[in-house]
Amino acid sequence: SSSATKRFSPTRSARVGSFLMLRTLCGLFLLDKAAAFAPPHAALVPVLHKRISSTWTPVMSVAMPDVSGYYTKPRSDATKDFLMQQTMLRVKDPQSSLAFYCNVLGFNLVMHREFPQWGFNVYFVAPVDPASIPTDPDDRFAFCMRTPGCIELTWNHGSEAEEGAVYNTGNGDTTGTQDGQKVRGGFGHLGITVPDVYEACARFAELGCEFSKTPNAGGMKGLAFVKDPDGYLIEVLPQGNLITKPVDHAGVLVEGGGYVDNSKK
């Protein structure tokens, strides 16, 4: 009919489509950690909903890439002996950072090198049995290079004397920016796994650690984010499936602590 033609004319459909797209774009926000735990699907699926007043409003749908082939891809002869050995963080004060990673997280110093001619030191920490760390410096270096998952803490001499934060953490941080505006950094966080997230976080709190998210806060329950002395985030996950407890060390109930978009904080 003419009325149906009018309702579904290309011009009208384009206007409606543009309006819906604009409304969706206005509601965009960075995805919660839940998206990282969702199974991969190639089809278009609703990803998240954002709490607006007392209603749940769909935000966006994205096409999930098919990544299943990477699970079973054989390692080539050229790369079969490669390992993920380190992630480097620049730190303001090596004493504070070593105290956190070794005393709070339970890592050990595996190897360190001092370069006074270039004005920096490096300290490699990892969760290893201290009895396995060689005492000879050359053997210690070789041991470090064979140890997966080390964190290299790099100290530029003199940074410990600077006022305030020195390095940008990558998470909506203003540190080091020329205009004082938060930047959209690429770095997100490091991560550890523990037998019990709630018990580990209670201990972290007793030791004076600052949290970005306690286990029951936010939309994703049973995991947490704690800050190191420079403000880098450390995700705390269980060594198995996510479990929840009625209340965490900060008194947040598992039924509460709704989703908060921390991407710009």
Protein backbone atom coordinates (compact mmCIF):
# COMPACT_ATOMS: atom_id res chain seq x y z
CA SER A 1 0.00 0.00 0.00
CA SER A 2 1.04 3.65 -0.30
CA SER A 3 1.18 4.04 3.49
CA ALA A 4 3.42 0.99 3.79
CA THR A 5 5.63 2.34 1.00
CA LYS A 6 5.89 5.64 2.83
CA ARG A 7 6.77 3.94 6.13
CA PHE A 8 9.48 1.80 4.58
CA SER A 9 10.82 4.07 1.86
CA PRO A 10 14.63 4.07 1.46
CA THR A 11 14.86 7.67 2.59
CA ARG A 12 12.80 7.08 5.73
CA SER A 13 14.68 3.85 6.49
CA ALA A 14 17.99 5.68 6.17
CA ARG A 15 16.81 8.35 8.59
CA VAL A 16 15.63 5.74 11.08
CA GLY A 17 18.89 3.83 10.70
CA SER A 18 20.91 6.99 11.25
CA PHE A 19 18.90 7.80 14.37
CA LEU A 20 19.41 4.32 15.82
CA MET A 21 23.11 4.42 15.04
CA LEU A 22 23.45 7.84 16.69
CA ARG A 23 21.61 6.61 19.78
CA THR A 24 23.88 3.58 19.96
CA LEU A 25 27.04 5.63 19.53
CA CYS A 26 25.93 7.98 22.28
CA GLY A 27 25.73 5.01 24.63
CA LEU A 28 29.08 3.41 23.80
CA PHE A 29 31.40 2.59 26.66
CA LEU A 30 34.44 0.37 27.05
CA LEU A 31 33.45 -3.24 27.60
CA ASP A 32 33.45 -4.75 31.05
CA LYS A 33 35.85 -7.59 31.88
CA ALA A 34 32.97 -9.98 31.31
CA ALA A 35 33.50 -9.75 27.57
CA ALA A 36 36.93 -11.32 27.94
CA PHE A 37 35.36 -14.44 29.47
CA ALA A 38 32.59 -14.82 26.89
CA PRO A 39 32.96 -17.73 24.42
CA PRO A 40 33.90 -16.70 20.87
CA HIS A 41 31.12 -16.72 18.29
CA ALA A 42 31.18 -15.58 14.70
CA ALA A 43 27.56 -14.43 14.71
CA LEU A 44 26.38 -11.00 15.79
CA VAL A 45 25.50 -11.20 19.46
CA PRO A 46 24.48 -8.68 22.10
CA VAL A 47 27.59 -7.97 24.14
CA LEU A 48 26.64 -5.92 27.15
CA HIS A 49 23.86 -3.83 28.59
CA LYS A 50 24.37 -0.64 30.49
CA ARG A 51 22.32 0.33 33.50
CA ILE A 52 20.36 3.48 32.74
CA SER A 53 17.98 4.61 35.50
CA SER A 54 15.87 1.53 36.32
CA THR A 55 15.97 -0.07 32.86
CA TRP A 56 18.53 -2.08 30.93
CA THR A 57 19.26 -0.59 27.53
CA PRO A 58 21.15 -2.52 24.79
CA VAL A 59 24.38 -0.73 23.94
CA MET A 60 25.95 -2.45 20.95
CA SER A 61 26.49 -5.68 19.06
CA VAL A 62 29.81 -6.71 17.56
CA ALA A 63 30.93 -9.44 15.19
CA MET A 64 32.93 -12.00 17.15
CA PRO A 65 35.98 -13.28 15.22
CA ASP A 66 36.47 -17.02 14.85
CA VAL A 67 39.67 -17.75 16.79
CA SER A 68 39.19 -21.49 17.29
CA GLY A 69 41.99 -22.41 14.90
CA TYR A 70 44.61 -20.85 17.16
CA TYR A 71 43.93 -23.45 19.88
CA THR A 72 45.15 -26.34 17.75
CA LYS A 73 47.69 -24.61 15.50
CA PRO A 74 50.92 -26.64 15.72
CA ARG A 75 54.08 -24.84 16.78
CA SER A 76 56.58 -24.55 13.99
CA ASP A 77 60.15 -25.75 14.27
CA ALA A 78 61.23 -22.12 14.06
CA THR A 79 59.24 -21.10 17.18
CA LYS A 80 58.72 -24.27 19.24
CA ASP A 81 61.35 -23.26 21.80
CA PHE A 82 60.20 -19.63 22.19
CA LEU A 83 58.73 -18.62 25.54
CA MET A 84 57.04 -15.53 26.98
CA GLN A 85 59.83 -14.44 29.30
CA GLN A 86 59.12 -10.90 30.49
CA THR A 87 56.97 -7.80 30.67
CA MET A 88 58.81 -4.58 31.47
CA LEU A 89 57.46 -1.83 33.74
CA ARG A 90 59.22 1.43 34.51
CA VAL A 91 59.06 2.09 38.25
CA LYS A 92 59.72 5.20 40.30
CA ASP A 93 61.34 3.60 43.35
CA PRO A 94 62.88 0.11 43.10
CA GLN A 95 62.78 -0.47 46.86
CA SER A 96 59.02 0.14 47.01
CA SER A 97 58.38 -1.96 43.90
CA LEU A 98 60.53 -4.88 45.05
CA ALA A 99 58.84 -4.82 48.45
CA PHE A 100 55.43 -5.04 46.74
CA TYR A 101 56.22 -7.75 44.20
CA CYS A 102 58.33 -9.86 46.57
CA ASN A 103 56.68 -9.34 49.96
CA VAL A 104 53.06 -8.73 48.94
CA LEU A 105 52.74 -10.90 45.82
CA GLY A 106 55.32 -13.46 46.93
CA PHE A 107 57.70 -13.27 43.97
CA ASN A 108 61.48 -13.48 44.23
CA LEU A 109 64.22 -11.42 42.68
CA VAL A 110 65.57 -13.71 39.96
CA MET A 111 68.25 -11.48 38.47
CA HIS A 112 69.26 -7.83 38.40
CA ARG A 113 71.71 -5.68 36.50
CA GLU A 114 73.04 -2.18 37.19
CA PHE A 115 73.99 0.20 34.37
CA PRO A 116 75.35 3.38 35.98
CA GLN A 117 76.91 4.44 32.68
CA TRP A 118 73.40 4.65 31.20
CA GLY A 119 71.55 5.69 34.34
CA PHE A 120 69.25 2.74 34.92
CA ASN A 121 68.93 -0.62 36.70
CA VAL A 122 66.75 -3.63 35.88
CA TYR A 123 65.26 -6.11 38.36
CA PHE A 124 63.59 -9.34 37.20
CA VAL A 125 61.03 -10.85 39.57
CA ALA A 126 59.06 -14.07 39.22
CA PRO A 127 57.14 -16.59 41.38
CA VAL A 128 59.85 -19.24 41.68
CA ASP A 129 61.36 -21.43 44.38
CA PRO A 130 64.24 -19.35 45.78
CA ALA A 131 66.31 -22.52 46.16
CA SER A 132 66.30 -22.86 42.37
CA ILE A 133 67.91 -19.44 41.77
CA PRO A 134 71.64 -19.80 41.06
CA THR A 135 74.17 -17.77 43.01
CA ASP A 136 76.61 -17.26 40.15
CA PRO A 137 75.66 -14.08 38.22
CA ASP A 138 76.09 -15.68 34.79
CA ASP A 139 74.08 -18.76 35.78
CA ARG A 140 71.47 -16.49 37.31
CA PHE A 141 71.12 -14.60 34.04
CA ALA A 142 70.69 -17.84 32.08
CA PHE A 143 68.14 -19.08 34.62
CA CYS A 144 66.18 -15.83 34.30
CA MET A 145 66.10 -16.07 30.50
CA ARG A 146 64.57 -19.56 30.81
CA THR A 147 61.93 -18.52 33.36
CA PRO A 148 58.50 -17.72 31.86
CA GLY A 149 56.44 -14.79 33.07
CA CYS A 150 59.09 -12.58 34.66
CA ILE A 151 58.38 -8.92 35.34
CA GLU A 152 61.28 -6.62 34.55
CA LEU A 153 61.20 -3.59 36.84
CA THR A 154 63.24 -0.80 35.27
CA TRP A 155 64.46 2.04 37.46
CA ASN A 156 65.77 5.20 35.83
CA HIS A 157 68.15 6.77 38.31
CA GLY A 158 66.73 9.86 39.99
CA SER A 159 63.04 9.10 39.39
CA GLU A 160 62.63 8.21 43.07
CA ALA A 161 63.26 11.87 43.96
CA GLU A 162 60.55 13.26 41.67
CA GLU A 163 57.30 14.57 43.11
CA GLY A 164 54.12 12.56 42.63
CA ALA A 165 53.49 9.86 40.03
CA VAL A 166 56.15 9.52 37.34
CA TYR A 167 54.79 7.00 34.82
CA ASN A 168 51.45 6.73 33.03
CA THR A 169 49.68 3.46 33.85
CA GLY A 170 47.79 3.34 30.56
CA ASN A 171 44.31 3.34 32.10
CA GLY A 172 42.76 6.76 31.52
CA ASP A 173 45.73 8.39 33.28
CA THR A 174 46.83 12.05 33.14
CA THR A 175 50.41 11.35 34.30
CA GLY A 176 52.98 12.69 31.84
CA THR A 177 50.48 14.37 29.53
CA GLN A 178 51.21 17.90 28.32
CA ASP A 179 47.63 19.17 28.55
CA GLY A 180 46.54 17.40 31.73
CA GLN A 181 43.97 15.34 29.83
CA LYS A 182 43.58 11.61 30.37
CA VAL A 183 45.03 9.45 27.61
CA ARG A 184 43.68 6.25 26.13
CA GLY A 185 46.72 4.09 26.78
CA GLY A 186 47.26 0.64 25.37
CA PHE A 187 48.54 -1.04 28.54
CA GLY A 188 45.87 -2.52 30.78
CA HIS A 189 47.18 -4.68 33.62
CA LEU A 190 49.27 -7.58 34.80
CA GLY A 191 47.59 -10.61 36.34
CA ILE A 192 48.14 -13.27 38.97
CA THR A 193 46.08 -16.30 39.97
CA VAL A 194 45.55 -17.38 43.56
CA PRO A 195 43.80 -20.28 45.33
CA ASP A 196 41.21 -17.96 46.93
CA VAL A 197 40.64 -14.45 45.58
CA TYR A 198 38.71 -13.28 48.65
CA GLU A 199 41.36 -14.45 51.13
CA ALA A 200 44.19 -13.03 49.02
CA CYS A 201 42.48 -9.65 48.79
CA ALA A 202 41.81 -9.56 52.53
CA ARG A 203 45.55 -10.04 53.04
CA PHE A 204 46.38 -7.35 50.47
CA ALA A 205 44.09 -4.96 52.32
CA GLU A 206 45.77 -5.75 55.65
CA LEU A 207 49.12 -4.95 54.02
CA GLY A 208 47.82 -1.54 52.97
CA CYS A 209 47.29 -2.16 49.25
CA GLU A 210 45.01 0.10 47.23
CA PHE A 211 42.26 -1.53 45.17
CA SER A 212 40.74 -0.44 41.89
CA LYS A 213 38.10 -3.17 42.28
CA THR A 214 37.38 -5.49 45.21
CA PRO A 215 36.04 -9.01 44.50
CA ASN A 216 32.35 -8.11 44.78
CA ALA A 217 32.55 -4.63 43.26
CA GLY A 218 31.61 -4.00 39.64
CA GLY A 219 29.70 -6.26 37.32
CA MET A 220 32.19 -9.14 37.23
CA LYS A 221 32.22 -10.90 40.58
CA GLY A 222 34.98 -13.02 42.06
CA LEU A 223 37.98 -11.13 40.68
CA ALA A 224 39.80 -8.02 41.81
CA PHE A 225 42.29 -5.36 40.76
CA VAL A 226 44.99 -4.15 43.16
CA LYS A 227 47.52 -1.39 42.48
CA ASP A 228 51.29 -1.62 42.74
CA PRO A 229 53.27 1.37 44.14
CA ASP A 230 53.28 3.11 40.73
CA GLY A 231 49.56 2.55 40.18
CA TYR A 232 49.87 -0.30 37.66
CA LEU A 233 46.90 -2.63 37.97
CA ILE A 234 47.34 -6.27 39.01
CA GLU A 235 44.33 -8.47 38.28
CA VAL A 236 43.67 -11.15 40.89
CA LEU A 237 41.97 -14.24 39.48
CA PRO A 238 41.23 -17.72 40.88
CA GLN A 239 43.12 -20.83 39.82
CA GLY A 240 39.95 -22.31 38.37
CA ASN A 241 36.38 -21.18 37.87
CA LEU A 242 35.18 -17.85 39.19
CA ILE A 243 33.45 -18.28 42.53
CA THR A 244 31.74 -15.69 44.72
CA LYS A 245 31.28 -15.16 48.44
CA PRO A 246 28.42 -13.21 50.04
CA VAL A 247 30.63 -10.34 51.17
CA ASP A 248 34.23 -9.33 50.43
CA HIS A 249 36.84 -7.81 52.75
CA ALA A 250 35.62 -4.28 51.96
CA GLY A 251 32.07 -5.14 53.01
CA VAL A 252 30.69 -5.15 49.45
CA LEU A 253 27.81 -7.60 49.06
CA VAL A 254 27.84 -9.91 46.07
CA GLU A 255 24.33 -8.69 45.18
CA GLY A 256 25.56 -5.10 45.17
CA GLY A 257 28.55 -3.33 43.68
CA GLY A 258 26.97 -2.87 40.25
CA TYR A 259 28.83 -2.16 37.04
CA VAL A 260 31.01 0.93 37.09
CA ASP A 261 32.82 2.12 33.97
CA ASN A 262 36.36 2.68 35.27
CA SER A 263 37.89 3.13 31.84
CA LYS A 264 38.12 6.91 32.20
CA LYS A 265 39.20 6.99 35.85
